[in-house]
Protein backbone atom coordinates (compact mmCIF):
# COMPACT_ATOMS: atom_id res chain seq x y z
CA UNK A 1 172.15 34.48 -152.09
CA UNK A 2 168.52 33.68 -152.71
CA UNK A 3 168.17 30.96 -150.18
CA UNK A 4 169.92 33.30 -147.37
CA UNK A 5 167.06 35.95 -148.11
CA UNK A 6 164.39 33.45 -148.19
CA UNK A 7 165.42 31.54 -144.92
CA UNK A 8 165.55 34.94 -142.91
CA UNK A 9 162.72 34.45 -139.96
CA UNK A 10 163.12 37.78 -138.24
CA UNK A 11 163.18 40.71 -140.56
CA UNK A 12 163.82 44.52 -140.14
CA UNK A 13 162.69 46.92 -143.24
CA UNK A 14 163.89 50.17 -143.59
CA UNK A 15 161.86 52.83 -145.72
CA UNK A 16 163.87 55.75 -146.56
CA UNK A 17 162.22 59.05 -147.04
CA UNK A 18 163.01 58.59 -150.91
CA UNK A 19 161.40 55.12 -151.01
CA UNK A 20 158.14 56.62 -149.58
CA UNK A 21 158.17 59.78 -151.55
CA UNK A 22 157.06 60.86 -155.17
CA UNK A 23 159.47 62.79 -157.22
CA UNK A 24 157.55 65.98 -156.01
CA UNK A 25 157.95 65.26 -152.44
CA UNK A 26 154.47 64.04 -151.62
CA UNK A 27 153.86 60.95 -149.85
CA UNK A 28 153.61 57.90 -152.39
CA UNK A 29 150.58 56.35 -150.78
CA UNK A 30 149.99 53.37 -153.34
CA UNK A 31 153.57 52.42 -152.83
CA UNK A 32 153.23 52.42 -148.97
CA UNK A 33 150.20 50.47 -149.07
CA UNK A 34 151.70 47.88 -151.37
CA UNK A 35 154.60 47.57 -148.72
CA UNK A 36 152.16 47.08 -146.09
CA UNK A 37 150.18 44.41 -148.27
CA UNK A 38 153.83 42.61 -148.73
CA UNK A 39 154.63 42.79 -145.17
CA UNK A 40 151.40 41.40 -144.06
CA UNK A 41 151.93 38.39 -146.61
CA UNK A 42 155.31 37.80 -145.00
CA UNK A 43 153.68 37.84 -141.45
CA UNK A 44 151.20 35.36 -142.78
CA UNK A 45 154.12 32.92 -143.77
CA UNK A 46 155.33 32.88 -140.27
CA UNK A 47 158.19 35.65 -140.33
CA UNK A 48 158.52 38.37 -137.73
CA UNK A 49 158.78 41.85 -139.15
CA UNK A 50 159.82 45.10 -137.83
CA UNK A 51 159.80 48.37 -139.71
CA UNK A 52 161.92 51.43 -139.35
CA UNK A 53 160.22 54.41 -141.29
CA UNK A 54 161.27 57.72 -142.38
CA UNK A 55 159.08 60.56 -143.57
CA UNK A 56 157.57 62.34 -140.71
CA UNK A 57 159.38 65.61 -141.44
CA UNK A 58 158.44 65.66 -145.13
CA UNK A 59 154.76 64.82 -144.21
CA UNK A 60 154.53 67.33 -141.77
CA UNK A 61 156.20 69.94 -144.15
CA UNK A 62 153.36 69.38 -146.82
CA UNK A 63 150.58 69.48 -143.94
CA UNK A 64 151.91 72.79 -142.87
CA UNK A 65 152.03 74.21 -146.38
CA UNK A 66 155.97 74.71 -146.25
CA UNK A 67 157.05 75.22 -149.58
CA UNK A 68 161.03 74.55 -148.79
CA UNK A 69 162.74 72.08 -146.64
CA UNK A 70 163.09 73.41 -143.14
CA UNK A 71 166.71 74.16 -142.04
CA UNK A 72 165.94 75.36 -138.53
CA UNK A 73 166.13 72.68 -136.04
CA UNK A 74 162.99 73.88 -134.24
CA UNK A 75 161.19 74.11 -137.32
CA UNK A 76 162.13 70.45 -138.43
CA UNK A 77 160.72 69.32 -135.06
CA UNK A 78 157.48 70.94 -135.21
CA UNK A 79 157.35 69.20 -138.87
CA UNK A 80 158.18 65.81 -137.01
CA UNK A 81 155.60 66.39 -134.62
CA UNK A 82 152.88 67.18 -137.17
CA UNK A 83 153.99 64.46 -139.68
CA UNK A 84 154.55 61.53 -137.16
CA UNK A 85 150.86 61.65 -136.33
CA UNK A 86 149.88 61.60 -139.83
CA UNK A 87 152.38 59.04 -141.06
CA UNK A 88 151.51 56.54 -138.17
CA UNK A 89 147.68 56.78 -138.79
CA UNK A 90 148.46 55.64 -142.42
CA UNK A 91 150.27 52.59 -140.99
CA UNK A 92 147.79 52.04 -138.47
CA UNK A 93 144.92 52.12 -140.81
CA UNK A 94 146.52 50.21 -143.42
CA UNK A 95 147.65 47.37 -141.24
CA UNK A 96 144.20 47.32 -139.82
CA UNK A 97 142.56 46.67 -143.16
CA UNK A 98 144.95 43.67 -143.42
CA UNK A 99 144.18 42.25 -140.20
CA UNK A 100 147.48 43.20 -138.68
CA UNK A 101 148.17 45.13 -135.37
CA UNK A 102 150.85 47.85 -135.58
CA UNK A 103 152.56 49.38 -132.85
CA UNK A 104 154.45 52.87 -132.77
CA UNK A 105 157.84 52.88 -131.03
CA UNK A 106 159.81 56.22 -131.23
CA UNK A 107 163.47 56.20 -130.52
CA UNK A 108 166.39 58.38 -129.17
CA UNK A 109 169.98 57.76 -129.08
CA UNK A 110 169.69 57.54 -125.22
CA UNK A 111 167.40 54.54 -125.60
CA UNK A 112 170.49 52.82 -126.99
CA UNK A 113 173.36 54.33 -125.07
CA UNK A 114 171.98 53.13 -121.58
CA UNK A 115 172.25 49.64 -121.31
CA UNK A 116 169.21 49.20 -119.19
CA UNK A 117 166.84 51.15 -121.39
CA UNK A 118 168.34 49.09 -124.32
CA UNK A 119 167.65 45.84 -122.76
CA UNK A 120 164.03 47.30 -121.83
CA UNK A 121 163.43 48.05 -125.46
CA UNK A 122 164.53 44.78 -126.56
CA UNK A 123 162.13 42.91 -123.97
CA UNK A 124 159.45 45.31 -125.20
CA UNK A 125 159.76 44.80 -128.94
CA UNK A 126 160.20 41.04 -128.31
CA UNK A 127 156.72 40.91 -126.45
CA UNK A 128 155.27 43.09 -129.56
CA UNK A 129 156.23 40.43 -131.89
CA UNK A 130 155.28 37.40 -129.79
CA UNK A 131 151.78 39.18 -129.64
CA UNK A 132 151.87 39.05 -133.59
CA UNK A 133 152.21 42.97 -133.81
CA UNK A 134 154.39 44.93 -136.40
CA UNK A 135 156.41 47.60 -134.71
CA UNK A 136 156.79 50.51 -136.77
CA UNK A 137 159.96 52.39 -135.38
CA UNK A 138 160.90 56.06 -136.11
CA UNK A 139 163.22 58.40 -134.42
CA UNK A 140 161.91 60.61 -131.91
CA UNK A 141 162.82 63.87 -133.79
CA UNK A 142 160.36 65.98 -131.80
CA UNK A 143 162.33 65.73 -128.59
CA UNK A 144 165.97 64.83 -129.67
CA UNK A 145 167.59 67.34 -131.92
CA UNK A 146 170.93 65.31 -132.34
CA UNK A 147 169.09 62.99 -135.20
CA UNK A 148 168.27 66.13 -136.95
CA UNK A 149 171.66 67.68 -136.78
CA UNK A 150 173.84 64.52 -137.09
CA UNK A 151 177.31 65.31 -135.86
CA UNK A 152 180.55 63.84 -135.07
CA UNK A 153 183.10 64.27 -131.95
CA UNK A 154 186.85 63.90 -132.67
CA UNK A 155 185.77 61.57 -135.53
CA UNK A 156 183.80 59.20 -133.39
CA UNK A 157 180.13 58.80 -134.34
CA UNK A 158 178.23 59.94 -131.11
CA UNK A 159 174.65 59.38 -132.28
CA UNK A 160 172.45 58.05 -135.23
CA UNK A 161 171.86 60.87 -137.26
CA UNK A 162 169.74 58.82 -139.84
CA UNK A 163 167.40 56.01 -140.09
CA UNK A 164 170.18 53.68 -141.82
CA UNK A 165 172.08 53.52 -138.44
CA UNK A 166 168.77 53.11 -136.38
CA UNK A 167 167.61 50.23 -138.52
CA UNK A 168 170.91 48.67 -138.28
CA UNK A 169 170.93 48.94 -134.32
CA UNK A 170 167.48 47.61 -134.14
CA UNK A 171 168.25 44.65 -136.56
CA UNK A 172 171.46 43.80 -134.44
CA UNK A 173 170.04 44.58 -131.16
CA UNK A 174 166.83 42.45 -131.89
CA UNK A 175 168.84 39.39 -133.32
CA UNK A 176 167.10 39.99 -136.88
CA UNK A 177 168.32 37.60 -139.58
CA UNK A 178 168.18 40.31 -142.14
CA UNK A 179 167.94 44.07 -142.67
CA UNK A 180 166.21 45.21 -145.95
CA UNK A 181 167.04 48.80 -146.89
CA UNK A 182 164.72 49.82 -149.32
CA UNK A 183 166.09 52.96 -151.20
CA UNK A 184 166.01 55.09 -154.36
CA UNK A 185 168.91 53.11 -155.90
CA UNK A 186 169.31 49.47 -156.80
CA UNK A 187 172.02 48.69 -154.45
CA UNK A 188 175.67 49.36 -154.06
CA UNK A 189 177.69 50.17 -157.34
CA UNK A 190 181.00 50.39 -158.04
CA UNK A 191 180.79 54.18 -158.94
CA UNK A 192 178.12 56.71 -158.29
CA UNK A 193 175.15 55.45 -160.67
CA UNK A 194 173.81 59.14 -160.52
CA UNK A 195 177.01 60.46 -162.52
CA UNK A 196 178.78 57.52 -163.94
CA UNK A 197 176.42 55.72 -166.55
CA UNK A 198 178.90 52.91 -166.71
CA UNK A 199 178.93 52.10 -163.03
CA UNK A 200 177.99 48.42 -162.24
CA UNK A 201 175.86 46.97 -159.53
CA UNK A 202 177.63 44.88 -157.00
CA UNK A 203 175.47 41.91 -156.27
CA UNK A 204 177.31 40.38 -152.99
CA UNK A 205 179.59 42.03 -150.70
CA UNK A 206 181.56 39.72 -148.23
CA UNK A 207 182.91 42.47 -146.08
CA UNK A 208 182.86 46.29 -145.64
CA UNK A 209 186.51 46.85 -146.35
CA UNK A 210 187.98 50.24 -146.67
CA UNK A 211 187.76 49.78 -150.42
CA UNK A 212 183.94 49.11 -150.41
CA UNK A 213 183.58 52.00 -147.89
CA UNK A 214 185.21 54.55 -150.55
CA UNK A 215 182.11 53.73 -152.73
CA UNK A 216 179.74 55.52 -150.52
CA UNK A 217 178.27 58.79 -151.54
CA UNK A 218 176.10 61.48 -150.03
CA UNK A 219 172.33 61.99 -149.53
CA UNK A 220 170.07 63.24 -151.81
CA UNK A 221 168.18 66.81 -151.06
CA UNK A 222 165.25 64.98 -149.25
CA UNK A 223 167.14 62.26 -147.26
CA UNK A 224 169.37 62.54 -144.59
CA UNK A 225 171.30 59.28 -145.33
CA UNK A 226 172.99 58.13 -148.55
CA UNK A 227 175.16 55.27 -149.37
CA UNK A 228 177.80 56.29 -146.97
CA UNK A 229 175.65 55.79 -144.04
CA UNK A 230 174.06 52.55 -145.56
CA UNK A 231 177.36 51.31 -145.58
CA UNK A 232 178.06 52.05 -141.94
CA UNK A 233 174.72 50.28 -141.29
CA UNK A 234 176.09 47.17 -143.16
CA UNK A 235 179.12 47.09 -140.82
CA UNK A 236 176.93 47.01 -137.57
CA UNK A 237 174.54 44.44 -139.09
CA UNK A 238 176.94 41.85 -140.45
CA UNK A 239 179.07 41.99 -137.42
CA UNK A 240 175.95 40.90 -135.66
CA UNK A 241 175.95 37.74 -137.61
CA UNK A 242 172.90 39.03 -139.84
CA UNK A 243 172.77 39.95 -143.42
CA UNK A 244 171.57 43.05 -144.91
CA UNK A 245 170.32 43.95 -148.58
CA UNK A 246 169.83 47.32 -150.44
CA UNK A 247 167.18 47.21 -152.85
CA UNK A 248 165.31 49.51 -154.95
CA UNK A 249 162.05 50.64 -153.21
CA UNK A 250 160.47 53.33 -155.39
CA UNK A 251 157.83 50.99 -156.91
CA UNK A 252 154.99 49.11 -155.73
CA UNK A 253 155.74 45.57 -154.74
CA UNK A 254 159.19 46.16 -153.84
CA UNK A 255 159.12 44.34 -150.90
CA UNK A 256 157.85 41.13 -152.37
CA UNK A 257 160.49 41.50 -155.02
CA UNK A 258 162.99 41.13 -152.46
CA UNK A 259 161.96 37.39 -152.07
CA UNK A 260 161.12 36.79 -155.67
CA UNK A 261 163.27 34.88 -158.27
CA UNK A 262 164.24 38.23 -160.00
CA UNK A 263 165.67 40.02 -157.01
CA UNK A 264 167.92 42.85 -157.74
CA UNK A 265 170.11 44.47 -155.12
CA UNK A 266 173.15 43.85 -153.18
CA UNK A 267 173.55 41.44 -150.29
CA UNK A 268 175.92 42.04 -147.46
CA UNK A 269 177.08 38.55 -145.79
CA UNK A 270 177.36 38.07 -142.31
CA UNK A 271 181.08 38.40 -141.21
CA UNK A 272 181.06 38.04 -137.33
CA UNK A 273 178.72 37.39 -134.43
CA UNK A 274 179.85 39.52 -131.65
CA UNK A 275 178.59 38.68 -128.09
CA UNK A 276 175.49 41.01 -127.01
CA UNK A 277 177.39 43.27 -124.87
CA UNK A 278 180.33 43.96 -126.98
CA UNK A 279 177.89 44.56 -129.99
CA UNK A 280 176.14 47.24 -127.73
CA UNK A 281 179.28 48.69 -126.68
CA UNK A 282 180.66 48.85 -129.96
CA UNK A 283 177.44 50.39 -131.70
CA UNK A 284 174.68 51.23 -129.62
CA UNK A 285 176.31 53.77 -127.21
CA UNK A 286 177.18 57.22 -126.98
CA UNK A 287 180.70 57.77 -125.99
CA UNK A 288 181.36 60.37 -123.30
CA UNK A 289 184.85 60.94 -123.92
CA UNK A 290 188.17 59.56 -125.17
CA UNK A 291 191.49 57.94 -124.40
CA UNK A 292 194.42 58.28 -126.63
CA UNK A 293 197.05 55.55 -126.31
CA UNK A 294 200.51 55.04 -127.72
CA UNK A 295 201.44 52.59 -130.18
CA UNK A 296 202.66 49.92 -127.96
CA UNK A 297 199.35 49.86 -126.02
CA UNK A 298 197.33 49.86 -129.10
CA UNK A 299 199.59 46.85 -130.52
CA UNK A 300 198.95 44.99 -127.17
CA UNK A 301 195.22 45.46 -127.41
CA UNK A 302 194.69 44.67 -131.04
CA UNK A 303 197.15 41.53 -131.47
CA UNK A 304 197.06 40.15 -127.67
CA UNK A 305 193.62 41.09 -126.39
CA UNK A 306 195.36 42.95 -123.66
CA UNK A 307 193.69 45.43 -121.33
CA UNK A 308 194.42 49.21 -121.40
CA UNK A 309 196.99 50.27 -118.68
CA UNK A 310 197.42 53.67 -117.35
CA UNK A 311 201.00 53.53 -118.72
CA UNK A 312 199.40 53.42 -122.30
CA UNK A 313 197.58 56.48 -122.23
CA UNK A 314 198.83 59.85 -123.54
CA UNK A 315 195.81 61.94 -123.50
CA UNK A 316 192.27 62.40 -122.26
CA UNK A 317 189.54 63.83 -123.72
CA UNK A 318 186.06 65.04 -122.40
CA UNK A 319 184.31 64.48 -118.92
CA UNK A 320 183.47 61.05 -118.12
CA UNK A 321 182.93 58.91 -114.80
CA UNK A 322 183.68 55.55 -114.08
CA UNK A 323 181.67 52.85 -116.05
CA UNK A 324 181.04 55.40 -118.75
CA UNK A 325 181.65 53.95 -122.46
CA UNK A 326 184.54 55.88 -123.98
CA UNK A 327 186.38 56.01 -127.18
CA UNK A 328 189.87 54.55 -127.45
CA UNK A 329 192.13 56.56 -130.15
CA UNK A 330 195.65 55.89 -131.53
CA UNK A 331 198.05 58.68 -131.77
CA UNK A 332 196.72 59.66 -135.17
CA UNK A 333 193.35 60.46 -133.47
CA UNK A 334 191.55 57.48 -135.20
CA UNK A 335 189.09 55.47 -132.88
CA UNK A 336 189.97 51.77 -133.03
CA UNK A 337 188.29 50.62 -129.94
CA UNK A 338 185.50 51.30 -127.28
CA UNK A 339 185.42 50.48 -123.77
CA UNK A 340 183.76 50.72 -120.15
CA UNK A 341 186.36 52.70 -118.22
CA UNK A 342 187.35 52.01 -114.90
CA UNK A 343 188.29 55.80 -113.67
CA UNK A 344 186.83 59.08 -114.15
CA UNK A 345 188.57 61.61 -116.59
CA UNK A 346 189.84 63.47 -113.71
CA UNK A 347 191.31 60.45 -112.48
CA UNK A 348 192.48 59.27 -115.77
CA UNK A 349 194.40 62.59 -116.32
CA UNK A 350 196.22 62.09 -113.06
CA UNK A 351 197.43 58.50 -113.90
CA UNK A 352 198.05 58.64 -117.51
CA UNK A 353 201.37 57.32 -118.52
CA UNK A 354 201.96 55.80 -115.02
CA UNK A 355 202.40 52.35 -113.76
CA UNK A 356 199.73 50.50 -112.03
CA UNK A 357 201.37 50.61 -108.65
CA UNK A 358 201.47 54.16 -108.79
CA UNK A 359 197.67 54.55 -109.26
CA UNK A 360 196.90 54.92 -105.26
CA UNK A 361 199.61 57.44 -104.76
CA UNK A 362 198.07 59.44 -107.45
CA UNK A 363 194.32 59.57 -106.79
CA UNK A 364 194.21 58.08 -103.38
CA UNK A 365 192.87 54.68 -103.79
CA UNK A 366 193.00 51.72 -106.41
CA UNK A 367 190.20 49.40 -107.36
CA UNK A 368 191.69 48.23 -110.53
CA UNK A 369 194.96 47.82 -112.17
CA UNK A 370 193.59 48.67 -115.43
CA UNK A 371 191.99 51.88 -117.01
CA UNK A 372 189.79 49.47 -119.11
CA UNK A 373 189.59 45.92 -118.66
CA UNK A 374 189.91 43.53 -121.71
CA UNK A 375 186.57 42.08 -120.88
CA UNK A 376 185.13 45.49 -121.54
CA UNK A 377 186.88 46.44 -124.52
CA UNK A 378 185.55 45.89 -128.17
CA UNK A 379 187.86 46.57 -131.15
CA UNK A 380 186.08 48.29 -133.92
């Protein structure tokens, strides 16, 4: 466990709102500066470090003199706009004093859902690391309301609604070795430690199974995440071939403690190493719609790695064009795969349940026998 952590070369740190805040909601400045000192020391050791930070909305709320948490999206956006500049100034000034150059990167879900933008983002972050910079990344809440709302469509996640998911996408997309989620809890427990005094810390998780997912609990009043979103992040990171830890971050020196002899937290071990394209398709994209398939089609895709043929489609949801990313659902409405579809939603409705040789007759042409080719399908 300790060896895996110490050997990590490229590391992403995620600082949640609670890890950066005092008990009364103010920014914990001494704690933040201690994080920066520890990260500068890691960089001096030759490690490449990226930061995903929360806190802009909270800082903006305090700067604007608001006494309660904003519950209107436009007000949250205003708080984010005010708070982001203050938050980044703290990072910029702090790292400057330590001889490190910080770089601000603001992202929305579209930066991950469009593959050309996703690849451009990878190039930019890689170049910043080559130049010795520390990218400080946050959601662009001011212009993108999806993150502030957080929503699902037909049981499918269609955006990242918190920085846990964002940090996972950054770690997986940037081929990081380790994602460190600094939180207000020591790690994953076998119960909710806020309610169950007998709950015990789980040191190592070898796979995010349904039993592990059942241990997720909701966010606190200030945060947007919670253990549930951290477990979702762990699924993304571990399938990319990287490790993830959840550690207590509400104290100075918490970052250096991760690499020390007395580390306490939960380590999620890598379980898979999906190819880059399939990893992007599985987690870094917004789905434009969905195809519901029968049990025979699901079985062929899951057990034989088959393509999805029109004959297996029973329903079409949403509006999409050929080449869009779509969700593939079973007859119970559960998403089990994603893929790049060969035909539009209008065309899929016409060919659903039909044999491949009937495609041209139904829509006037046929470029593919498959609705979704197996090379463009990833099982979730």
